[in-house]
Structures are given as C-alpha cells and as structure tokens.
Amino acid sequence: MKTIERAARALCKFDGQPENIRFEGAPMWRSYVPQVRALFDSVRTAAPTGTDVEGWRMMIEAALAEGDDI
C-alpha cells in the first residue's frame, strides 16, 4: 500500500467514515487523497533544512512522487 493511500485511509477513519464504502464511484478513502497531498506538500515546504529533517523530507518527496494512480 502506498504512503498516500495509507494516509488517506487513516484520515478517512479519523473522520469517522468507513474507508471502503463507495462514494462517487470510488472507495471513500480516495476522496481524502487531495487533503493528504496538501498536507504532505505543506510539511515539505515548511520543514527547515538541515540534516536532522532531511530523512523526513525525502520520505515526503517519495510519497508525493508515487503518482496519482491510486
């Protein structure tokens, strides 16, 4: 499971929604993907540079680069 999907499913559950119920023809969790991408993008751009955060920055970059094929 890709990072974006995992985060979208978690956000869906947090919001009290069943993650696999159909919503507009797709599982409910897919409707949370834009919010997850916005969150990762804001964290990426707000994180200070330095060796202690580079690992996090790389993980976020990798998650955002996974593509929109989910």
PDB file of N, CA and C in Angstrom:
ATOM      1  N   MET A   1       0.847  -1.170   0.000  1.00  0.00           N
ATOM      2  CA  MET A   1       0.000   0.000   0.000  1.00  0.00           C
ATOM      3  C   MET A   1       0.899   1.242   0.000  1.00  0.00           C
ATOM      4  N   LYS A   2       0.585   2.173  -0.871  1.00  0.00           N
ATOM      5  CA  LYS A   2       1.377   3.396  -0.973  1.00  0.00           C
ATOM      6  C   LYS A   2       1.113   4.324   0.208  1.00  0.00           C
ATOM      7  N   THR A   3       2.079   5.171   0.472  1.00  0.00           N
ATOM      8  CA  THR A   3       2.005   6.096   1.601  1.00  0.00           C
ATOM      9  C   THR A   3       0.788   7.005   1.512  1.00  0.00           C
ATOM     10  N   ILE A   4       0.507   7.550   0.336  1.00  0.00           N
ATOM     11  CA  ILE A   4      -0.637   8.442   0.166  1.00  0.00           C
ATOM     12  C   ILE A   4      -1.929   7.687   0.486  1.00  0.00           C
ATOM     13  N   GLU A   5      -2.048   6.470  -0.010  1.00  0.00           N
ATOM     14  CA  GLU A   5      -3.246   5.677   0.269  1.00  0.00           C
ATOM     15  C   GLU A   5      -3.372   5.393   1.759  1.00  0.00           C
ATOM     16  N   ARG A   6      -2.273   5.004   2.394  1.00  0.00           N
ATOM     17  CA  ARG A   6      -2.300   4.700   3.824  1.00  0.00           C
ATOM     18  C   ARG A   6      -2.749   5.915   4.622  1.00  0.00           C
ATOM     19  N   ALA A   7      -2.233   7.086   4.274  1.00  0.00           N
ATOM     20  CA  ALA A   7      -2.600   8.312   4.980  1.00  0.00           C
ATOM     21  C   ALA A   7      -4.056   8.687   4.703  1.00  0.00           C
ATOM     22  N   ALA A   8      -4.509   8.506   3.465  1.00  0.00           N
ATOM     23  CA  ALA A   8      -5.899   8.830   3.120  1.00  0.00           C
ATOM     24  C   ALA A   8      -6.864   7.908   3.864  1.00  0.00           C
ATOM     25  N   ARG A   9      -6.513   6.642   3.971  1.00  0.00           N
ATOM     26  CA  ARG A   9      -7.352   5.710   4.718  1.00  0.00           C
ATOM     27  C   ARG A   9      -7.404   6.098   6.195  1.00  0.00           C
ATOM     28  N   ALA A  10      -6.272   6.472   6.751  1.00  0.00           N
ATOM     29  CA  ALA A  10      -6.224   6.883   8.158  1.00  0.00           C
ATOM     30  C   ALA A  10      -7.056   8.140   8.388  1.00  0.00           C
ATOM     31  N   LEU A  11      -6.961   9.089   7.489  1.00  0.00           N
ATOM     32  CA  LEU A  11      -7.735  10.328   7.613  1.00  0.00           C
ATOM     33  C   LEU A  11      -9.232  10.041   7.482  1.00  0.00           C
ATOM     34  N   CYS A  12      -9.581   9.151   6.598  1.00  0.00           N
ATOM     35  CA  CYS A  12     -10.970   8.745   6.416  1.00  0.00           C
ATOM     36  C   CYS A  12     -11.508   8.123   7.707  1.00  0.00           C
ATOM     37  N   LYS A  13     -10.752   7.200   8.291  1.00  0.00           N
ATOM     38  CA  LYS A  13     -11.151   6.574   9.552  1.00  0.00           C
ATOM     39  C   LYS A  13     -11.261   7.607  10.661  1.00  0.00           C
ATOM     40  N   PHE A  14     -10.287   8.509  10.725  1.00  0.00           N
ATOM     41  CA  PHE A  14     -10.286   9.553  11.744  1.00  0.00           C
ATOM     42  C   PHE A  14     -11.543  10.411  11.639  1.00  0.00           C
ATOM     43  N   ASP A  15     -11.997  10.618  10.415  1.00  0.00           N
ATOM     44  CA  ASP A  15     -13.187  11.421  10.150  1.00  0.00           C
ATOM     45  C   ASP A  15     -14.476  10.633  10.416  1.00  0.00           C
ATOM     46  N   GLY A  16     -14.327   9.364  10.833  1.00  0.00           N
ATOM     47  CA  GLY A  16     -15.479   8.546  11.168  1.00  0.00           C
ATOM     48  C   GLY A  16     -16.174   7.924   9.969  1.00  0.00           C
ATOM     49  N   GLN A  17     -15.494   7.868   8.840  1.00  0.00           N
ATOM     50  CA  GLN A  17     -16.068   7.317   7.617  1.00  0.00           C
ATOM     51  C   GLN A  17     -15.531   5.908   7.376  1.00  0.00           C
ATOM     52  N   PRO A  18     -16.376   4.994   6.914  1.00  0.00           N
ATOM     53  CA  PRO A  18     -15.882   3.675   6.520  1.00  0.00           C
ATOM     54  C   PRO A  18     -15.049   3.824   5.241  1.00  0.00           C
ATOM     55  N   GLU A  19     -13.821   3.386   5.286  1.00  0.00           N
ATOM     56  CA  GLU A  19     -12.886   3.680   4.194  1.00  0.00           C
ATOM     57  C   GLU A  19     -13.235   3.036   2.859  1.00  0.00           C
ATOM     58  N   ASN A  20     -13.925   1.921   2.860  1.00  0.00           N
ATOM     59  CA  ASN A  20     -14.209   1.235   1.596  1.00  0.00           C
ATOM     60  C   ASN A  20     -15.641   1.394   1.099  1.00  0.00           C
ATOM     61  N   ILE A  21     -16.459   2.166   1.786  1.00  0.00           N
ATOM     62  CA  ILE A  21     -17.804   2.426   1.278  1.00  0.00           C
ATOM     63  C   ILE A  21     -17.668   3.211  -0.022  1.00  0.00           C
ATOM     64  N   ARG A  22     -18.560   3.007  -0.952  1.00  0.00           N
ATOM     65  CA  ARG A  22     -18.465   3.684  -2.259  1.00  0.00           C
ATOM     66  C   ARG A  22     -18.961   5.117  -2.142  1.00  0.00           C
ATOM     67  N   PHE A  23     -18.203   6.031  -2.696  1.00  0.00           N
ATOM     68  CA  PHE A  23     -18.560   7.448  -2.749  1.00  0.00           C
ATOM     69  C   PHE A  23     -18.181   7.969  -4.116  1.00  0.00           C
ATOM     70  N   GLU A  24     -19.153   8.401  -4.866  1.00  0.00           N
ATOM     71  CA  GLU A  24     -18.946   8.872  -6.238  1.00  0.00           C
ATOM     72  C   GLU A  24     -18.187   7.849  -7.074  1.00  0.00           C
ATOM     73  N   GLY A  25     -18.540   6.583  -6.899  1.00  0.00           N
ATOM     74  CA  GLY A  25     -17.981   5.511  -7.714  1.00  0.00           C
ATOM     75  C   GLY A  25     -16.629   4.975  -7.284  1.00  0.00           C
ATOM     76  N   ALA A  26     -16.094   5.456  -6.182  1.00  0.00           N
ATOM     77  CA  ALA A  26     -14.778   5.007  -5.711  1.00  0.00           C
ATOM     78  C   ALA A  26     -14.841   4.797  -4.196  1.00  0.00           C
ATOM     79  N   PRO A  27     -13.872   4.067  -3.641  1.00  0.00           N
ATOM     80  CA  PRO A  27     -13.852   3.923  -2.193  1.00  0.00           C
ATOM     81  C   PRO A  27     -13.751   5.301  -1.511  1.00  0.00           C
ATOM     82  N   MET A  28     -14.409   5.440  -0.393  1.00  0.00           N
ATOM     83  CA  MET A  28     -14.455   6.721   0.323  1.00  0.00           C
ATOM     84  C   MET A  28     -13.061   7.297   0.587  1.00  0.00           C
ATOM     85  N   TRP A  29     -12.090   6.434   0.889  1.00  0.00           N
ATOM     86  CA  TRP A  29     -10.769   6.937   1.240  1.00  0.00           C
ATOM     87  C   TRP A  29     -10.150   7.744   0.109  1.00  0.00           C
ATOM     88  N   ARG A  30     -10.507   7.441  -1.137  1.00  0.00           N
ATOM     89  CA  ARG A  30      -9.932   8.184  -2.267  1.00  0.00           C
ATOM     90  C   ARG A  30     -10.307   9.659  -2.250  1.00  0.00           C
ATOM     91  N   SER A  31     -11.422   9.993  -1.643  1.00  0.00           N
ATOM     92  CA  SER A  31     -11.826  11.400  -1.581  1.00  0.00           C
ATOM     93  C   SER A  31     -10.931  12.204  -0.637  1.00  0.00           C
ATOM     94  N   TYR A  32     -10.102  11.526   0.152  1.00  0.00           N
ATOM     95  CA  TYR A  32      -9.193  12.195   1.077  1.00  0.00           C
ATOM     96  C   TYR A  32      -7.793  12.406   0.493  1.00  0.00           C
ATOM     97  N   VAL A  33      -7.538  11.859  -0.670  1.00  0.00           N
ATOM     98  CA  VAL A  33      -6.203  11.981  -1.280  1.00  0.00           C
ATOM     99  C   VAL A  33      -5.781  13.441  -1.481  1.00  0.00           C
ATOM    100  N   PRO A  34      -6.635  14.343  -1.968  1.00  0.00           N
ATOM    101  CA  PRO A  34      -6.199  15.733  -2.126  1.00  0.00           C
ATOM    102  C   PRO A  34      -5.770  16.387  -0.802  1.00  0.00           C
ATOM    103  N   GLN A  35      -6.471  16.081   0.284  1.00  0.00           N
ATOM    104  CA  GLN A  35      -6.097  16.639   1.576  1.00  0.00           C
ATOM    105  C   GLN A  35      -4.740  16.107   2.041  1.00  0.00           C
ATOM    106  N   VAL A  36      -4.517  14.819   1.818  1.00  0.00           N
ATOM    107  CA  VAL A  36      -3.238  14.213   2.202  1.00  0.00           C
ATOM    108  C   VAL A  36      -2.104  14.829   1.401  1.00  0.00           C
ATOM    109  N   ARG A  37      -2.295  14.991   0.101  1.00  0.00           N
ATOM    110  CA  ARG A  37      -1.254  15.609  -0.728  1.00  0.00           C
ATOM    111  C   ARG A  37      -0.981  17.041  -0.289  1.00  0.00           C
ATOM    112  N   ALA A  38      -2.030  17.796   0.039  1.00  0.00           N
ATOM    113  CA  ALA A  38      -1.853  19.171   0.507  1.00  0.00           C
ATOM    114  C   ALA A  38      -1.077  19.205   1.822  1.00  0.00           C
ATOM    115  N   LEU A  39      -1.381  18.267   2.713  1.00  0.00           N
ATOM    116  CA  LEU A  39      -0.672  18.193   3.984  1.00  0.00           C
ATOM    117  C   LEU A  39       0.804  17.880   3.773  1.00  0.00           C
ATOM    118  N   PHE A  40       1.098  16.839   2.985  1.00  0.00           N
ATOM    119  CA  PHE A  40       2.491  16.487   2.733  1.00  0.00           C
ATOM    120  C   PHE A  40       3.239  17.642   2.062  1.00  0.00           C
ATOM    121  N   ASP A  41       2.585  18.294   1.130  1.00  0.00           N
ATOM    122  CA  ASP A  41       3.227  19.413   0.446  1.00  0.00           C
ATOM    123  C   ASP A  41       3.527  20.555   1.413  1.00  0.00           C
ATOM    124  N   SER A  42       2.598  20.857   2.313  1.00  0.00           N
ATOM    125  CA  SER A  42       2.833  21.948   3.260  1.00  0.00           C
ATOM    126  C   SER A  42       3.938  21.606   4.246  1.00  0.00           C
ATOM    127  N   VAL A  43       3.992  20.347   4.675  1.00  0.00           N
ATOM    128  CA  VAL A  43       5.058  19.925   5.581  1.00  0.00           C
ATOM    129  C   VAL A  43       6.405  19.988   4.877  1.00  0.00           C
ATOM    130  N   ARG A  44       6.412  19.565   3.630  1.00  0.00           N
ATOM    131  CA  ARG A  44       7.663  19.592   2.852  1.00  0.00           C
ATOM    132  C   ARG A  44       8.192  21.009   2.717  1.00  0.00           C
ATOM    133  N   THR A  45       7.337  21.948   2.397  1.00  0.00           N
ATOM    134  CA  THR A  45       7.790  23.315   2.166  1.00  0.00           C
ATOM    135  C   THR A  45       8.045  24.076   3.457  1.00  0.00           C
ATOM    136  N   ALA A  46       7.424  23.651   4.566  1.00  0.00           N
ATOM    137  CA  ALA A  46       7.600  24.356   5.832  1.00  0.00           C
ATOM    138  C   ALA A  46       8.770  23.819   6.648  1.00  0.00           C
ATOM    139  N   ALA A  47       9.208  22.609   6.355  1.00  0.00           N
ATOM    140  CA  ALA A  47      10.272  21.987   7.143  1.00  0.00           C
ATOM    141  C   ALA A  47      11.584  22.736   6.952  1.00  0.00           C
ATOM    142  N   PRO A  48      12.263  23.032   8.044  1.00  0.00           N
ATOM    143  CA  PRO A  48      13.554  23.697   7.926  1.00  0.00           C
ATOM    144  C   PRO A  48      14.588  22.760   7.306  1.00  0.00           C
ATOM    145  N   THR A  49      15.551  23.329   6.647  1.00  0.00           N
ATOM    146  CA  THR A  49      16.600  22.498   6.063  1.00  0.00           C
ATOM    147  C   THR A  49      17.595  22.115   7.144  1.00  0.00           C
ATOM    148  N   GLY A  50      18.258  21.035   6.942  1.00  0.00           N
ATOM    149  CA  GLY A  50      19.239  20.554   7.907  1.00  0.00           C
ATOM    150  C   GLY A  50      19.269  19.045   7.882  1.00  0.00           C
ATOM    151  N   THR A  51      20.321  18.496   8.390  1.00  0.00           N
ATOM    152  CA  THR A  51      20.493  17.044   8.328  1.00  0.00           C
ATOM    153  C   THR A  51      19.477  16.296   9.173  1.00  0.00           C
ATOM    154  N   ASP A  52      18.944  16.901  10.241  1.00  0.00           N
ATOM    155  CA  ASP A  52      18.021  16.186  11.115  1.00  0.00           C
ATOM    156  C   ASP A  52      16.633  16.015  10.487  1.00  0.00           C
ATOM    157  N   VAL A  53      16.291  16.799   9.479  1.00  0.00           N
ATOM    158  CA  VAL A  53      14.978  16.669   8.856  1.00  0.00           C
ATOM    159  C   VAL A  53      15.054  16.158   7.423  1.00  0.00           C
ATOM    160  N   GLU A  54      16.234  15.946   6.907  1.00  0.00           N
ATOM    161  CA  GLU A  54      16.360  15.521   5.511  1.00  0.00           C
ATOM    162  C   GLU A  54      15.717  14.162   5.263  1.00  0.00           C
ATOM    163  N   GLY A  55      15.784  13.266   6.227  1.00  0.00           N
ATOM    164  CA  GLY A  55      15.139  11.965   6.070  1.00  0.00           C
ATOM    165  C   GLY A  55      13.636  12.105   5.921  1.00  0.00           C
ATOM    166  N   TRP A  56      13.036  12.956   6.730  1.00  0.00           N
ATOM    167  CA  TRP A  56      11.595  13.210   6.632  1.00  0.00           C
ATOM    168  C   TRP A  56      11.266  13.843   5.293  1.00  0.00           C
ATOM    169  N   ARG A  57      12.069  14.797   4.895  1.00  0.00           N
ATOM    170  CA  ARG A  57      11.836  15.479   3.620  1.00  0.00           C
ATOM    171  C   ARG A  57      11.895  14.472   2.467  1.00  0.00           C
ATOM    172  N   MET A  58      12.854  13.569   2.513  1.00  0.00           N
ATOM    173  CA  MET A  58      12.991  12.564   1.461  1.00  0.00           C
ATOM    174  C   MET A  58      11.783  11.624   1.440  1.00  0.00           C
ATOM    175  N   MET A  59      11.278  11.240   2.627  1.00  0.00           N
ATOM    176  CA  MET A  59      10.112  10.362   2.683  1.00  0.00           C
ATOM    177  C   MET A  59       8.878  11.060   2.115  1.00  0.00           C
ATOM    178  N   ILE A  60       8.708  12.336   2.419  1.00  0.00           N
ATOM    179  CA  ILE A  60       7.569  13.079   1.898  1.00  0.00           C
ATOM    180  C   ILE A  60       7.693  13.242   0.393  1.00  0.00           C
ATOM    181  N   GLU A  61       8.882  13.553  -0.077  1.00  0.00           N
ATOM    182  CA  GLU A  61       9.109  13.674  -1.527  1.00  0.00           C
ATOM    183  C   GLU A  61       8.760  12.365  -2.232  1.00  0.00           C
ATOM    184  N   ALA A  62       9.183  11.248  -1.637  1.00  0.00           N
ATOM    185  CA  ALA A  62       8.900   9.938  -2.235  1.00  0.00           C
ATOM    186  C   ALA A  62       7.401   9.670  -2.262  1.00  0.00           C
ATOM    187  N   ALA A  63       6.695  10.012  -1.175  1.00  0.00           N
ATOM    188  CA  ALA A  63       5.250   9.791  -1.122  1.00  0.00           C
ATOM    189  C   ALA A  63       4.549  10.629  -2.184  1.00  0.00           C
ATOM    190  N   LEU A  64       4.939  11.885  -2.323  1.00  0.00           N
ATOM    191  CA  LEU A  64       4.307  12.749  -3.314  1.00  0.00           C
ATOM    192  C   LEU A  64       4.635  12.321  -4.740  1.00  0.00           C
ATOM    193  N   ALA A  65       5.780  11.671  -4.927  1.00  0.00           N
ATOM    194  CA  ALA A  65       6.188  11.239  -6.263  1.00  0.00           C
ATOM    195  C   ALA A  65       5.562   9.897  -6.655  1.00  0.00           C
ATOM    196  N   GLU A  66       4.832   9.261  -5.731  1.00  0.00           N
ATOM    197  CA  GLU A  66       4.246   7.962  -6.036  1.00  0.00           C
ATOM    198  C   GLU A  66       3.230   8.039  -7.168  1.00  0.00           C
ATOM    199  N   GLY A  67       2.753   9.216  -7.454  1.00  0.00           N
ATOM    200  CA  GLY A  67       1.837   9.376  -8.574  1.00  0.00           C
ATOM    201  C   GLY A  67       0.388   9.385  -8.166  1.00  0.00           C
ATOM    202  N   ASP A  68      -0.440   9.656  -9.135  1.00  0.00           N
ATOM    203  CA  ASP A  68      -1.882   9.756  -8.915  1.00  0.00           C
ATOM    204  C   ASP A  68      -2.608   8.493  -9.331  1.00  0.00           C
ATOM    205  N   ASP A  69      -1.917   7.388  -9.446  1.00  0.00           N
ATOM    206  CA  ASP A  69      -2.541   6.163  -9.950  1.00  0.00           C
ATOM    207  C   ASP A  69      -3.223   5.354  -8.876  1.00  0.00           C
ATOM    208  N   ILE A  70      -3.509   5.941  -7.751  1.00  0.00           N
ATOM    209  CA  ILE A  70      -4.236   5.198  -6.699  1.00  0.00           C
ATOM    210  C   ILE A  70      -5.696   5.534  -6.727  1.00  0.00           C
TER     211      ILE A  70
END
